[in-house]
Amino acid sequence: MRLPRRFLCVITDERLCPVELAGMALEGGARMVQLRRKTASGLELYEWAVRIQELCRQREALFIVNDRVDIALAMHADGVHLGQDDLPASAARSLLGPDAIIGVSVANAAEAEKARHDGADYIGAGHIFPTFSKDKTTAPLGTSPIRAIGKAAGMPVVAIGGIGAGNIQEVMKAGASGIAVISAVSGTDDPVAATRDLVGRIWL
């Protein structure tokens, strides 16, 4: 499977069961689910990953593992998303093979160029707006760098950080191909409806 032209990626939340959240996000129309749980053991991640991948297969959606190339490799995930302090994309590619989808988080054009050189398939750009889902020590990028980052990378840009129903169209108009969210779905009373609303706004 390859990246859709436009899509919503829902990242699992530390506060909720990853499998339950993934199921609701997929029901709402998310085309990608990313398993992220910094405090989990390898066994927990693997067991969640197997179950989430099954749900994604049923919905013809992509399943991505955050950081853990070993978990992605062990259960044949669609791909992995890497931060600047994680295994380089080139090393992940050599382990996961040519068909794996590899995303790399960047904050500027120079990091985007390096990700392209290392063989990434998409760029995670952020944080775009202020966010409370992750601890941040840098200022938000805003939407203006999105197009420049995408041009430097020569690949799709998935924007993340403080994105919700009120600003998602602004981010898409700035050149993003995808949107990644955490609390905009997991922090709502109805994650299915919240996902469905965000997906609809991506295509407006």
Protein backbone atom coordinates (compact mmCIF):
# COMPACT_ATOMS: atom_id res chain seq x y z
CA MET A 1 0.00 0.00 0.00
CA ARG A 2 1.13 3.52 -0.73
CA LEU A 3 0.28 6.90 0.74
CA PRO A 4 -3.13 8.31 -0.24
CA ARG A 5 -3.16 11.68 -1.97
CA ARG A 6 -4.81 13.29 1.08
CA PHE A 7 -5.30 11.59 4.41
CA LEU A 8 -5.74 11.80 8.15
CA CYS A 9 -3.34 9.95 10.44
CA VAL A 10 -4.52 9.32 13.99
CA ILE A 11 -1.75 8.76 16.53
CA THR A 12 -2.56 6.72 19.59
CA ASP A 13 -2.77 8.52 22.93
CA GLU A 14 -1.02 7.57 26.17
CA ARG A 15 -4.34 7.94 28.00
CA LEU A 16 -6.43 5.51 25.93
CA CYS A 17 -6.23 1.88 24.85
CA PRO A 18 -4.43 2.02 21.49
CA VAL A 19 -6.52 -0.74 19.95
CA GLU A 20 -9.83 0.85 20.92
CA LEU A 21 -8.75 4.27 19.66
CA ALA A 22 -7.49 2.78 16.41
CA GLY A 23 -10.81 1.05 15.85
CA MET A 24 -12.77 4.27 16.36
CA ALA A 25 -10.42 6.28 14.16
CA LEU A 26 -10.70 3.77 11.36
CA GLU A 27 -14.47 3.71 11.67
CA GLY A 28 -14.40 7.48 11.26
CA GLY A 29 -12.36 7.26 8.06
CA ALA A 30 -8.72 7.66 9.09
CA ARG A 31 -6.43 6.25 6.39
CA MET A 32 -3.42 5.82 8.66
CA VAL A 33 -2.96 4.83 12.30
CA GLN A 34 0.33 5.35 14.09
CA LEU A 35 1.06 3.36 17.23
CA ARG A 36 2.92 5.58 19.69
CA ARG A 37 3.43 4.67 23.33
CA LYS A 38 6.74 5.78 24.80
CA THR A 39 6.25 4.01 28.13
CA ALA A 40 5.16 0.59 26.85
CA SER A 41 7.26 -2.54 26.88
CA GLY A 42 8.28 -4.25 23.67
CA LEU A 43 5.79 -7.03 24.34
CA GLU A 44 2.92 -4.58 24.88
CA LEU A 45 3.77 -2.73 21.68
CA TYR A 46 3.99 -5.93 19.70
CA GLU A 47 0.65 -7.24 20.94
CA TRP A 48 -1.08 -3.91 20.25
CA ALA A 49 0.60 -3.69 16.86
CA VAL A 50 -0.69 -7.09 15.74
CA ARG A 51 -4.25 -6.18 16.69
CA ILE A 52 -4.16 -2.70 15.19
CA GLN A 53 -2.67 -3.95 11.95
CA GLU A 54 -5.54 -6.43 11.63
CA LEU A 55 -8.02 -3.58 12.03
CA CYS A 56 -6.15 -1.50 9.46
CA ARG A 57 -6.15 -4.36 6.97
CA GLN A 58 -9.91 -4.67 7.31
CA ARG A 59 -10.29 -0.98 6.44
CA GLU A 60 -7.52 -0.90 3.81
CA ALA A 61 -5.68 1.68 5.91
CA LEU A 62 -1.98 2.04 6.64
CA PHE A 63 -0.42 1.00 9.94
CA ILE A 64 2.74 2.80 11.08
CA VAL A 65 4.82 2.17 14.20
CA ASN A 66 6.38 5.18 15.92
CA ASP A 67 10.15 4.93 16.54
CA ARG A 68 10.39 1.16 16.98
CA VAL A 69 11.82 -0.33 13.82
CA ASP A 70 12.15 -3.68 15.59
CA ILE A 71 8.41 -3.85 16.26
CA ALA A 72 7.58 -2.82 12.69
CA LEU A 73 9.94 -5.46 11.36
CA ALA A 74 8.70 -8.22 13.66
CA MET A 75 5.07 -7.96 12.61
CA HIS A 76 5.46 -6.64 9.07
CA ALA A 77 3.87 -3.24 9.63
CA ASP A 78 3.33 -0.98 6.63
CA GLY A 79 6.06 1.28 7.93
CA VAL A 80 7.65 3.30 10.68
CA HIS A 81 7.82 6.94 11.71
CA LEU A 82 11.15 8.24 12.99
CA GLY A 83 12.23 11.29 14.95
CA GLN A 84 15.50 13.15 14.68
CA ASP A 85 16.97 11.12 17.55
CA ASP A 86 15.84 7.75 16.25
CA LEU A 87 17.49 5.29 13.88
CA PRO A 88 18.28 7.06 10.57
CA ALA A 89 15.84 6.47 7.73
CA SER A 90 18.64 4.87 5.68
CA ALA A 91 19.21 2.24 8.37
CA ALA A 92 15.48 1.64 8.76
CA ARG A 93 15.20 1.18 5.00
CA SER A 94 17.93 -1.43 4.97
CA LEU A 95 16.06 -3.38 7.66
CA LEU A 96 12.49 -2.95 6.47
CA GLY A 97 13.06 -3.19 2.73
CA PRO A 98 12.02 -1.14 -0.29
CA ASP A 99 8.26 -1.44 0.18
CA ALA A 100 8.10 -0.06 3.74
CA ILE A 101 6.72 3.43 4.26
CA ILE A 102 9.19 5.53 6.23
CA GLY A 103 8.31 8.92 7.67
CA VAL A 104 10.71 11.31 9.37
CA SER A 105 9.85 14.22 11.66
CA VAL A 106 11.51 17.49 10.68
CA ALA A 107 11.36 21.12 11.75
CA ASN A 108 13.12 22.78 8.81
CA ALA A 109 14.16 22.41 5.17
CA ALA A 110 17.65 21.14 6.00
CA GLU A 111 16.25 18.22 7.98
CA ALA A 112 13.79 17.57 5.16
CA GLU A 113 16.61 17.39 2.61
CA LYS A 114 18.48 14.91 4.79
CA ALA A 115 15.35 12.78 5.15
CA ARG A 116 15.02 12.68 1.37
CA HIS A 117 18.67 11.71 0.99
CA ASP A 118 18.21 8.95 3.55
CA GLY A 119 15.28 7.46 1.64
CA ALA A 120 12.18 8.64 3.53
CA ASP A 121 8.74 8.45 1.88
CA TYR A 122 7.09 11.32 3.71
CA ILE A 123 7.93 14.16 6.06
CA GLY A 124 6.27 14.86 9.39
CA ALA A 125 6.43 18.64 9.80
CA GLY A 126 5.75 20.27 13.12
CA HIS A 127 4.74 21.31 15.51
CA ILE A 128 2.58 23.65 13.45
CA PHE A 129 0.52 25.20 16.25
CA PRO A 130 0.85 25.13 20.06
CA THR A 131 0.11 21.65 21.37
CA PHE A 132 -0.27 20.01 24.75
CA SER A 133 -0.08 16.42 23.48
CA LYS A 134 3.73 16.44 23.57
CA ASP A 135 6.29 18.42 25.53
CA LYS A 136 7.89 21.01 23.24
CA THR A 137 10.89 23.24 23.83
CA THR A 138 10.68 25.10 20.52
CA ALA A 139 8.18 27.60 19.13
CA PRO A 140 5.45 26.46 16.72
CA LEU A 141 6.39 26.60 13.04
CA GLY A 142 3.10 28.00 11.80
CA THR A 143 1.84 27.12 8.33
CA SER A 144 4.22 29.18 6.19
CA PRO A 145 7.18 26.71 6.21
CA ILE A 146 5.06 23.75 5.08
CA ARG A 147 5.46 24.37 1.35
CA ALA A 148 9.19 25.09 1.63
CA ILE A 149 9.74 21.91 3.63
CA GLY A 150 7.79 19.91 1.06
CA LYS A 151 9.78 21.42 -1.79
CA ALA A 152 13.09 20.66 -0.06
CA ALA A 153 12.00 17.11 0.63
CA GLY A 154 10.36 16.43 -2.71
CA MET A 155 7.80 14.22 -0.98
CA PRO A 156 4.46 14.48 0.85
CA VAL A 157 4.31 16.51 4.04
CA VAL A 158 2.21 15.35 6.99
CA ALA A 159 1.60 18.26 9.34
CA ILE A 160 1.28 17.75 13.09
CA GLY A 161 0.83 19.81 16.21
CA GLY A 162 -2.23 21.61 17.48
CA ILE A 163 -4.30 20.87 14.38
CA GLY A 164 -8.05 20.52 14.69
CA ALA A 165 -11.34 21.31 13.00
CA GLY A 166 -10.78 25.07 13.23
CA ASN A 167 -7.47 25.20 11.39
CA ILE A 168 -7.12 22.00 9.39
CA GLN A 169 -8.11 23.62 6.08
CA GLU A 170 -5.52 26.35 6.60
CA VAL A 171 -2.86 23.67 6.96
CA MET A 172 -3.99 21.80 3.85
CA LYS A 173 -4.00 25.01 1.81
CA ALA A 174 -0.42 25.63 2.95
CA GLY A 175 0.67 22.48 1.10
CA ALA A 176 0.23 19.53 3.45
CA SER A 177 -0.77 16.18 1.98
CA GLY A 178 -1.79 14.72 5.31
CA ILE A 179 -2.66 15.70 8.84
CA ALA A 180 -1.61 13.83 11.97
CA VAL A 181 -3.57 14.35 15.17
CA ILE A 182 -3.73 13.07 18.71
CA SER A 183 -6.02 15.05 21.01
CA ALA A 184 -8.25 16.32 18.17
CA VAL A 185 -9.60 12.76 18.12
CA SER A 186 -8.65 11.12 21.42
CA GLY A 187 -9.60 14.14 23.51
CA THR A 188 -13.19 14.23 22.29
CA ASP A 189 -16.34 12.59 23.61
CA ASP A 190 -16.92 10.88 20.26
CA PRO A 191 -13.65 9.93 18.48
CA VAL A 192 -15.55 8.38 15.56
CA ALA A 193 -17.46 11.58 14.85
CA ALA A 194 -14.38 13.73 15.42
CA THR A 195 -12.38 11.67 12.93
CA ARG A 196 -15.18 11.77 10.38
CA ASP A 197 -15.40 15.57 10.72
CA LEU A 198 -11.64 16.05 10.24
CA VAL A 199 -11.55 13.73 7.23
CA GLY A 200 -14.38 15.70 5.64
CA ARG A 201 -12.57 18.99 6.20
CA ILE A 202 -9.40 17.70 4.57
CA TRP A 203 -11.31 17.38 1.31
CA LEU A 204 -13.10 20.74 1.42
